[in-house]
Amino acid sequence: MAARIKTNHVGVYYYMQPRLGGPGAEKVFYIVFKQGGKVHEEKAGRQYADAMTAAKASRIRAARIEGKRESVKERRAREKAEAQAQASRPTFNRLWAAYAAQREPSHSLSTDAGRYQKHLAPALGEKEPGELVTLDADRLRVKILKTHSPQTVKHVLALLKRIIRFGVRAGLIDPPNPRKFSIKMPSFDNTRTETLTDEQLAALLRAAAEDSNTQAGALVRLALATGLRRGEMLRLRWQDIDTDAGFITLPRTKAGKVQRVPLNALALEVLAGLPRTSEYCFPGQKVGEHAKGLYPALRRIRKRAGLPDSVRPLHAWRHVFASRLASSGESLYVVQKLLRHSDGRMTQRYSHLADETLRQAADKAGRIMEQAGQEQKVVNLADHRKA
């Protein structure tokens, strides 16, 4: 055993021990002091690993005698307790995990998970719900608005509200104090609706059919024929299509439930032209994955059709599908069912098209009546002349 070596400082000594992380030896300093009628002997630190000296060890000894410094054992116990307390804190990350666990797997949950990880976790993940103040929500809203649309901000803040409501209902957190914490939702007009003239629609269909990327062209035509969403088309599997019954069954939708979409002649034609080389109707380059990276081709089709850049590929075709139906005189109720909107208010953006169709019909009725009136005047005039 190494010899105990005294220093010039009272109650401080050291042992020579092999150096940690290097060749040779180093001093390992210890202190001895009396406190509460007991003699204590504690390690102060190593010469190189802890940059310890006899003088520094003497100051540590003095602080321990005065009760101004914890022992190594006390410090480790405190750090362990703090770590355990930190691990059990009801943070937003843990609240999100509980919220997600009680929901059924769905496309909606996957979308919420993406929004949480991208926006909420970095800003609020390690905070406790009780620590939140209105300024936290305001900063989050401003930050997201710098790079995303108001619609994205709305979705993220709505998710934050749902997580908090879940925590309160489940008894995991206390209700937030409305005087300290409130969420201001952004105001915006979300009634943007893309429409195409007959010439533009014909040009789009022609550009889609002629494009070298057959998958992108088929996506455009299928969207125009069915009003399907981008994700619904890309995740579409052959097993979901019943051509005999004329329906597509969507097992995972934005609404989080199974939905059915009727197939018309154009949709059947598009699907019939797709090769069955994968479980997916639009397969990706890797086995077991759907197609990805089609937007360059979709933008090329939009350009070839002569459409402005403001027209959104795929999403716009869903609007065109609905707009054409509404302007043809179809009821908004039917349009809502075909778009699979859970809330009829989402379909109201097409009401002006339906109103225009009604106005045109009313004008036509007026012209019919006017014509009938003119014909009656001619008859009356002829009768008068005969008399």
Protein backbone atom coordinates (compact mmCIF):
# COMPACT_ATOMS: atom_id res chain seq x y z
CA MET A 1 0.00 0.00 0.00
CA ALA A 2 1.30 3.48 -0.88
CA ALA A 3 2.68 5.55 1.97
CA ARG A 4 0.63 8.40 3.36
CA ILE A 5 2.54 11.66 2.82
CA LYS A 6 1.90 14.81 4.89
CA THR A 7 1.80 18.30 3.38
CA ASN A 8 2.53 21.71 4.88
CA HIS A 9 -1.22 22.24 5.31
CA VAL A 10 -2.93 20.97 8.45
CA GLY A 11 -5.16 17.97 7.83
CA VAL A 12 -4.06 17.55 4.22
CA TYR A 13 -2.07 14.60 2.91
CA TYR A 14 -1.73 12.55 -0.24
CA TYR A 15 -0.91 9.16 -1.69
CA MET A 16 1.05 8.52 -4.86
CA GLN A 17 -1.14 6.61 -7.33
CA PRO A 18 -0.86 5.67 -11.04
CA ARG A 19 -1.88 8.65 -13.14
CA LEU A 20 -5.29 8.47 -14.81
CA GLY A 21 -5.14 8.78 -18.57
CA GLY A 22 -1.36 9.12 -18.79
CA PRO A 23 1.99 7.64 -17.89
CA GLY A 24 3.64 7.91 -14.48
CA ALA A 25 2.09 8.70 -11.10
CA GLU A 26 0.13 11.55 -9.53
CA LYS A 27 -0.80 12.77 -6.07
CA VAL A 28 -4.24 11.92 -4.72
CA PHE A 29 -5.09 14.42 -1.96
CA TYR A 30 -7.18 13.66 1.13
CA ILE A 31 -8.40 15.84 3.98
CA VAL A 32 -8.98 14.96 7.64
CA PHE A 33 -11.15 17.04 9.95
CA LYS A 34 -13.34 16.73 13.01
CA GLN A 35 -17.03 17.66 12.89
CA GLY A 36 -19.86 16.78 15.25
CA GLY A 37 -17.56 14.83 17.50
CA LYS A 38 -16.47 12.56 14.62
CA VAL A 39 -13.29 12.45 12.59
CA HIS A 40 -13.93 12.54 8.85
CA GLU A 41 -11.53 11.55 6.12
CA GLU A 42 -12.48 12.45 2.54
CA LYS A 43 -10.85 12.44 -0.84
CA ALA A 44 -10.25 15.96 -2.17
CA GLY A 45 -9.10 15.12 -5.69
CA ARG A 46 -6.31 14.02 -8.00
CA GLN A 47 -3.30 16.13 -8.97
CA TYR A 48 -3.85 16.04 -12.74
CA ALA A 49 -7.34 14.70 -13.29
CA ASP A 50 -8.88 17.28 -10.88
CA ALA A 51 -6.11 19.92 -10.95
CA MET A 52 -5.86 19.46 -7.18
CA THR A 53 -3.12 20.98 -5.00
CA ALA A 54 -2.41 20.91 -1.27
CA ALA A 55 -3.54 24.53 -0.92
CA LYS A 56 -6.78 23.85 -2.78
CA ALA A 57 -7.41 20.78 -0.65
CA SER A 58 -6.84 22.91 2.46
CA ARG A 59 -9.52 25.38 1.33
CA ILE A 60 -11.90 22.48 0.74
CA ARG A 61 -11.18 21.25 4.27
CA ALA A 62 -11.96 24.66 5.73
CA ALA A 63 -15.25 24.86 3.79
CA ARG A 64 -16.25 21.40 4.99
CA ILE A 65 -15.56 22.34 8.63
CA GLU A 66 -17.69 25.49 8.26
CA GLY A 67 -20.47 23.53 6.58
CA LYS A 68 -20.16 25.50 3.35
CA ARG A 69 -19.33 22.53 1.15
CA GLU A 70 -20.89 19.14 0.59
CA SER A 71 -18.98 15.92 0.95
CA VAL A 72 -18.44 13.84 -2.16
CA LYS A 73 -21.01 11.38 -0.84
CA GLU A 74 -23.54 14.14 -0.15
CA ARG A 75 -22.93 15.70 -3.55
CA ARG A 76 -23.41 12.41 -5.35
CA ALA A 77 -26.61 11.72 -3.38
CA ARG A 78 -27.94 15.18 -4.26
CA GLU A 79 -27.08 14.82 -7.94
CA LYS A 80 -28.76 11.42 -8.02
CA ALA A 81 -31.90 12.84 -6.41
CA GLU A 82 -31.92 15.76 -8.85
CA ALA A 83 -31.53 13.39 -11.79
CA GLN A 84 -34.43 11.28 -10.54
CA ALA A 85 -36.57 14.37 -10.06
CA GLN A 86 -35.66 15.58 -13.55
CA ALA A 87 -36.56 12.18 -15.02
CA SER A 88 -40.00 12.25 -13.39
CA ARG A 89 -40.86 15.86 -14.32
CA PRO A 90 -44.22 16.09 -16.16
CA THR A 91 -42.68 17.72 -19.23
CA PHE A 92 -44.45 18.30 -22.51
CA ASN A 93 -42.42 15.50 -24.07
CA ARG A 94 -43.87 13.04 -21.56
CA LEU A 95 -47.34 14.53 -21.94
CA TRP A 96 -47.08 14.14 -25.73
CA ALA A 97 -46.01 10.50 -25.31
CA ALA A 98 -49.08 9.82 -23.19
CA TYR A 99 -51.32 11.70 -25.63
CA ALA A 100 -49.98 9.81 -28.65
CA ALA A 101 -50.23 6.43 -26.87
CA GLN A 102 -53.99 6.74 -26.35
CA ARG A 103 -54.71 7.54 -30.02
CA GLU A 104 -55.28 4.97 -32.72
CA PRO A 105 -52.51 4.74 -35.35
CA SER A 106 -53.54 6.85 -38.33
CA HIS A 107 -52.27 9.29 -40.91
CA SER A 108 -53.59 12.10 -38.71
CA LEU A 109 -51.49 10.91 -35.76
CA SER A 110 -48.41 10.66 -37.98
CA THR A 111 -48.99 14.24 -39.14
CA ASP A 112 -49.38 15.43 -35.55
CA ALA A 113 -46.19 13.60 -34.56
CA GLY A 114 -44.30 15.40 -37.32
CA ARG A 115 -45.64 18.77 -36.20
CA TYR A 116 -44.79 18.05 -32.58
CA GLN A 117 -41.21 16.95 -33.29
CA LYS A 118 -40.55 19.83 -35.69
CA HIS A 119 -42.18 22.74 -33.85
CA LEU A 120 -43.34 21.95 -30.31
CA ALA A 121 -40.59 19.67 -28.98
CA PRO A 122 -37.68 22.10 -29.62
CA ALA A 123 -39.55 25.02 -28.04
CA LEU A 124 -41.55 23.39 -25.23
CA GLY A 125 -40.49 19.75 -24.94
CA GLU A 126 -38.55 20.06 -21.67
CA LYS A 127 -40.89 22.60 -20.11
CA GLU A 128 -43.58 21.66 -17.62
CA PRO A 129 -47.10 22.66 -18.69
CA GLY A 130 -47.48 24.63 -15.47
CA GLU A 131 -44.46 26.76 -16.43
CA LEU A 132 -46.01 28.02 -19.66
CA VAL A 133 -46.98 31.65 -20.02
CA THR A 134 -48.67 33.47 -22.88
CA LEU A 135 -45.30 34.75 -24.08
CA ASP A 136 -44.20 31.16 -24.82
CA ALA A 137 -47.12 30.66 -27.22
CA ASP A 138 -46.58 34.09 -28.78
CA ARG A 139 -42.89 33.39 -29.41
CA LEU A 140 -43.75 30.01 -30.92
CA ARG A 141 -46.32 31.59 -33.25
CA VAL A 142 -43.91 34.31 -34.41
CA LYS A 143 -41.09 31.80 -34.96
CA ILE A 144 -43.19 29.47 -37.11
CA LEU A 145 -44.63 32.36 -39.15
CA LYS A 146 -41.12 33.28 -40.28
CA THR A 147 -40.82 30.11 -42.36
CA HIS A 148 -44.34 28.64 -42.61
CA SER A 149 -47.86 29.67 -43.52
CA PRO A 150 -50.49 30.83 -41.01
CA GLN A 151 -52.28 27.54 -41.68
CA THR A 152 -49.27 25.63 -40.31
CA VAL A 153 -49.24 27.87 -37.23
CA LYS A 154 -52.91 27.14 -36.72
CA HIS A 155 -52.34 23.37 -36.89
CA VAL A 156 -49.39 23.49 -34.46
CA LEU A 157 -51.19 25.67 -31.90
CA ALA A 158 -54.34 23.54 -32.21
CA LEU A 159 -52.22 20.47 -31.44
CA LEU A 160 -50.78 22.25 -28.41
CA LYS A 161 -54.32 22.93 -27.18
CA ARG A 162 -55.34 19.30 -27.67
CA ILE A 163 -52.34 18.01 -25.72
CA ILE A 164 -53.11 20.35 -22.81
CA ARG A 165 -56.81 19.40 -22.80
CA PHE A 166 -55.86 15.71 -22.78
CA GLY A 167 -53.49 16.23 -19.84
CA VAL A 168 -56.19 18.01 -17.85
CA ARG A 169 -58.84 15.34 -18.61
CA ALA A 170 -56.42 12.53 -17.75
CA GLY A 171 -55.50 14.19 -14.45
CA LEU A 172 -51.85 14.49 -15.48
CA ILE A 173 -51.67 18.28 -15.20
CA ASP A 174 -53.65 21.09 -13.63
CA PRO A 175 -55.75 23.35 -15.85
CA PRO A 176 -53.68 26.32 -17.05
CA ASN A 177 -54.39 29.68 -15.46
CA PRO A 178 -56.06 31.77 -18.21
CA ARG A 179 -54.64 34.93 -16.63
CA LYS A 180 -51.09 33.62 -17.21
CA PHE A 181 -51.42 31.43 -20.27
CA SER A 182 -53.56 31.80 -23.38
CA ILE A 183 -53.10 30.89 -27.03
CA LYS A 184 -53.87 33.44 -29.74
CA MET A 185 -54.68 31.71 -33.03
CA PRO A 186 -53.54 33.49 -36.22
CA SER A 187 -56.24 34.98 -38.42
CA PHE A 188 -56.08 34.27 -42.15
CA ASP A 189 -58.23 33.59 -45.17
CA ASN A 190 -58.11 29.89 -46.00
CA THR A 191 -60.64 29.99 -48.81
CA ARG A 192 -58.13 29.95 -51.66
CA THR A 193 -59.57 27.81 -54.43
CA GLU A 194 -57.84 27.04 -57.71
CA THR A 195 -60.06 26.79 -60.80
CA LEU A 196 -59.20 26.21 -64.45
CA THR A 197 -60.87 27.26 -67.65
CA ASP A 198 -61.87 24.60 -70.18
CA GLU A 199 -58.78 25.42 -72.24
CA GLN A 200 -56.46 25.22 -69.20
CA LEU A 201 -57.96 21.91 -68.11
CA ALA A 202 -57.54 20.45 -71.58
CA ALA A 203 -53.91 21.67 -71.68
CA LEU A 204 -53.23 20.13 -68.26
CA LEU A 205 -54.66 16.75 -69.23
CA ARG A 206 -52.66 16.82 -72.45
CA ALA A 207 -49.42 17.74 -70.65
CA ALA A 208 -49.99 14.98 -68.07
CA ALA A 209 -50.56 12.36 -70.75
CA GLU A 210 -47.48 13.40 -72.73
CA ASP A 211 -44.98 13.80 -69.88
CA SER A 212 -42.02 11.40 -69.75
CA ASN A 213 -42.69 10.69 -66.08
CA THR A 214 -45.71 8.42 -66.38
CA GLN A 215 -46.22 8.28 -62.61
CA ALA A 216 -46.49 12.06 -62.31
CA GLY A 217 -48.85 12.21 -65.28
CA ALA A 218 -51.03 9.48 -63.81
CA LEU A 219 -51.14 11.29 -60.45
CA VAL A 220 -52.41 14.46 -62.11
CA ARG A 221 -55.14 12.62 -64.03
CA LEU A 222 -56.19 10.55 -61.00
CA ALA A 223 -56.41 13.67 -58.81
CA LEU A 224 -58.61 15.40 -61.37
CA ALA A 225 -60.81 12.32 -61.69
CA THR A 226 -61.28 11.57 -57.97
CA GLY A 227 -60.29 14.57 -55.85
CA LEU A 228 -57.94 12.33 -53.85
CA ARG A 229 -55.30 13.96 -51.68
CA ARG A 230 -51.61 13.62 -52.54
CA GLY A 231 -50.83 11.27 -49.65
CA GLU A 232 -53.88 9.16 -50.32
CA MET A 233 -52.79 8.57 -53.91
CA LEU A 234 -49.15 7.85 -53.06
CA ARG A 235 -50.13 5.35 -50.34
CA LEU A 236 -52.74 3.70 -52.55
CA ARG A 237 -52.33 -0.09 -52.76
CA TRP A 238 -53.77 -2.45 -55.33
CA GLN A 239 -55.54 -4.36 -52.59
CA ASP A 240 -57.53 -1.19 -51.81
CA ILE A 241 -59.08 -1.04 -55.30
CA ASP A 242 -62.22 -2.91 -56.27
CA THR A 243 -62.75 -2.26 -59.96
CA ASP A 244 -65.83 -4.52 -60.08
CA ALA A 245 -67.63 -2.53 -57.40
CA GLY A 246 -66.08 0.70 -58.66
CA PHE A 247 -64.67 1.90 -55.34
CA ILE A 248 -61.35 2.64 -53.64
CA THR A 249 -61.12 1.83 -49.94
CA LEU A 250 -58.81 4.18 -48.03
CA PRO A 251 -57.73 2.48 -44.79
CA ARG A 252 -55.78 5.50 -43.52
CA THR A 253 -57.19 8.94 -44.21
CA LYS A 254 -56.84 12.45 -42.82
CA ALA A 255 -59.97 11.79 -40.78
CA GLY A 256 -58.31 8.75 -39.20
CA LYS A 257 -60.95 6.30 -40.40
CA VAL A 258 -61.71 4.02 -43.34
CA GLN A 259 -63.35 5.84 -46.26
CA ARG A 260 -64.59 4.82 -49.70
CA VAL A 261 -64.11 6.76 -52.95
CA PRO A 262 -66.14 5.98 -56.10
CA LEU A 263 -64.26 5.33 -59.34
CA ASN A 264 -65.36 6.90 -62.61
CA ALA A 265 -64.31 5.96 -66.13
CA LEU A 266 -61.27 8.29 -66.17
CA ALA A 267 -60.01 6.95 -62.84
CA LEU A 268 -60.41 3.36 -64.04
CA GLU A 269 -58.54 4.22 -67.23
CA VAL A 270 -55.65 5.75 -65.26
CA LEU A 271 -55.39 2.78 -62.90
CA ALA A 272 -55.57 0.31 -65.79
CA GLY A 273 -52.54 1.96 -67.34
CA LEU A 274 -50.34 1.53 -64.25
CA PRO A 275 -47.99 -1.49 -64.11
CA ARG A 276 -48.51 -3.86 -61.19
CA THR A 277 -44.88 -4.22 -60.09
CA SER A 278 -45.44 -3.46 -56.40
CA GLU A 279 -48.07 -3.49 -53.69
CA TYR A 280 -48.30 0.26 -54.29
CA CYS A 281 -50.05 1.70 -57.33
CA PHE A 282 -47.28 4.31 -57.43
CA PRO A 283 -44.18 2.37 -56.31
CA GLY A 284 -40.90 3.95 -55.26
CA GLN A 285 -37.38 2.99 -56.25
CA LYS A 286 -36.93 0.95 -53.07
CA VAL A 287 -38.91 -2.24 -52.48
CA GLY A 288 -41.82 -1.71 -50.11
CA GLU A 289 -41.94 2.08 -50.53
CA HIS A 290 -44.26 4.34 -52.49
CA ALA A 291 -43.08 6.90 -55.03
CA LYS A 292 -41.24 9.99 -53.83
CA GLY A 293 -39.63 13.04 -55.38
CA LEU A 294 -42.25 13.60 -58.07
CA TYR A 295 -42.60 17.35 -57.62
CA PRO A 296 -40.05 18.34 -60.29
CA ALA A 297 -42.09 16.39 -62.85
CA LEU A 298 -45.37 17.80 -61.52
CA ARG A 299 -44.04 21.35 -61.82
CA ARG A 300 -42.87 20.54 -65.36
CA ILE A 301 -46.40 19.40 -66.27
CA ARG A 302 -47.83 22.58 -64.78
CA LYS A 303 -45.41 24.70 -66.84
CA ARG A 304 -46.08 22.75 -70.05
CA ALA A 305 -49.81 23.31 -69.53
CA GLY A 306 -49.16 27.05 -69.36
CA LEU A 307 -50.42 27.40 -65.77
CA PRO A 308 -48.98 30.01 -63.37
CA ASP A 309 -46.58 29.01 -60.60
CA SER A 310 -49.19 29.98 -58.00
CA VAL A 311 -51.23 26.88 -58.96
CA ARG A 312 -50.21 24.17 -56.49
CA PRO A 313 -49.45 20.77 -58.06
CA LEU A 314 -51.83 17.97 -56.95
CA HIS A 315 -53.56 20.01 -54.23
CA ALA A 316 -54.95 22.36 -56.87
CA TRP A 317 -56.38 19.44 -58.85
CA ARG A 318 -58.50 18.49 -55.84
CA HIS A 319 -59.95 22.01 -55.95
CA VAL A 320 -60.51 21.74 -59.70
CA PHE A 321 -62.38 18.47 -59.15
CA ALA A 322 -64.68 20.11 -56.58
CA SER A 323 -65.05 23.38 -58.49
CA ARG A 324 -66.14 21.60 -61.65
CA LEU A 325 -68.77 19.66 -59.73
CA ALA A 326 -70.12 22.75 -57.96
CA SER A 327 -70.23 24.83 -61.14
CA SER A 328 -72.01 22.02 -63.00
CA GLY A 329 -74.94 22.29 -60.60
CA GLU A 330 -74.05 19.46 -58.22
CA SER A 331 -75.17 20.10 -54.63
CA LEU A 332 -72.61 21.12 -52.02
CA TYR A 333 -73.71 18.13 -49.96
CA VAL A 334 -72.57 15.77 -52.72
CA VAL A 335 -69.34 17.74 -53.18
CA GLN A 336 -68.70 17.46 -49.44
CA LYS A 337 -69.22 13.69 -49.52
CA LEU A 338 -66.93 13.21 -52.51
CA LEU A 339 -64.21 15.35 -50.92
CA ARG A 340 -64.80 13.53 -47.61
CA HIS A 341 -64.90 16.76 -45.63
CA SER A 342 -65.96 16.02 -42.06
CA ASP A 343 -67.13 19.61 -41.66
CA GLY A 344 -69.48 21.12 -44.22
CA ARG A 345 -67.94 24.53 -43.62
CA MET A 346 -64.83 23.36 -45.50
CA THR A 347 -66.97 22.87 -48.61
CA GLN A 348 -68.53 26.34 -48.40
CA ARG A 349 -65.60 27.77 -50.38
CA TYR A 350 -67.28 26.33 -53.47
CA SER A 351 -70.68 27.85 -52.68
CA HIS A 352 -70.11 30.85 -54.96
CA LEU A 353 -69.70 28.44 -57.88
CA ALA A 354 -72.94 26.71 -57.01
CA ASP A 355 -74.62 30.12 -56.61
CA GLU A 356 -73.36 31.16 -60.05
CA THR A 357 -74.87 28.01 -61.55
CA LEU A 358 -78.19 28.81 -59.86
CA ARG A 359 -78.02 32.40 -61.11
CA GLN A 360 -77.37 31.21 -64.65
CA ALA A 361 -80.31 28.82 -64.35
CA ALA A 362 -82.49 31.65 -63.07
CA ASP A 363 -81.36 33.87 -65.98
CA LYS A 364 -82.18 31.05 -68.38
CA ALA A 365 -85.64 30.74 -66.83
CA GLY A 366 -86.11 34.47 -67.19
CA ARG A 367 -85.15 34.37 -70.86
CA ILE A 368 -87.59 31.49 -71.42
CA MET A 369 -90.36 33.51 -69.83
CA GLU A 370 -89.47 36.61 -71.80
CA GLN A 371 -89.48 34.61 -75.01
CA ALA A 372 -92.86 33.15 -74.10
CA GLY A 373 -94.11 36.67 -73.43
CA GLN A 374 -92.87 37.90 -76.82
CA GLU A 375 -94.54 34.97 -78.57
CA GLN A 376 -97.80 35.74 -76.77
CA LYS A 377 -97.62 39.38 -77.89
CA VAL A 378 -97.22 38.21 -81.50
CA VAL A 379 -100.27 35.96 -81.15
CA ASN A 380 -102.36 38.76 -79.61
CA LEU A 381 -101.32 41.17 -82.35
CA ALA A 382 -102.28 38.70 -85.06
CA ASP A 383 -105.68 38.13 -83.43
CA HIS A 384 -106.26 41.87 -83.24
CA ARG A 385 -105.53 42.34 -86.92
CA LYS A 386 -107.94 39.55 -87.84
CA ALA A 387 -110.64 41.21 -85.81
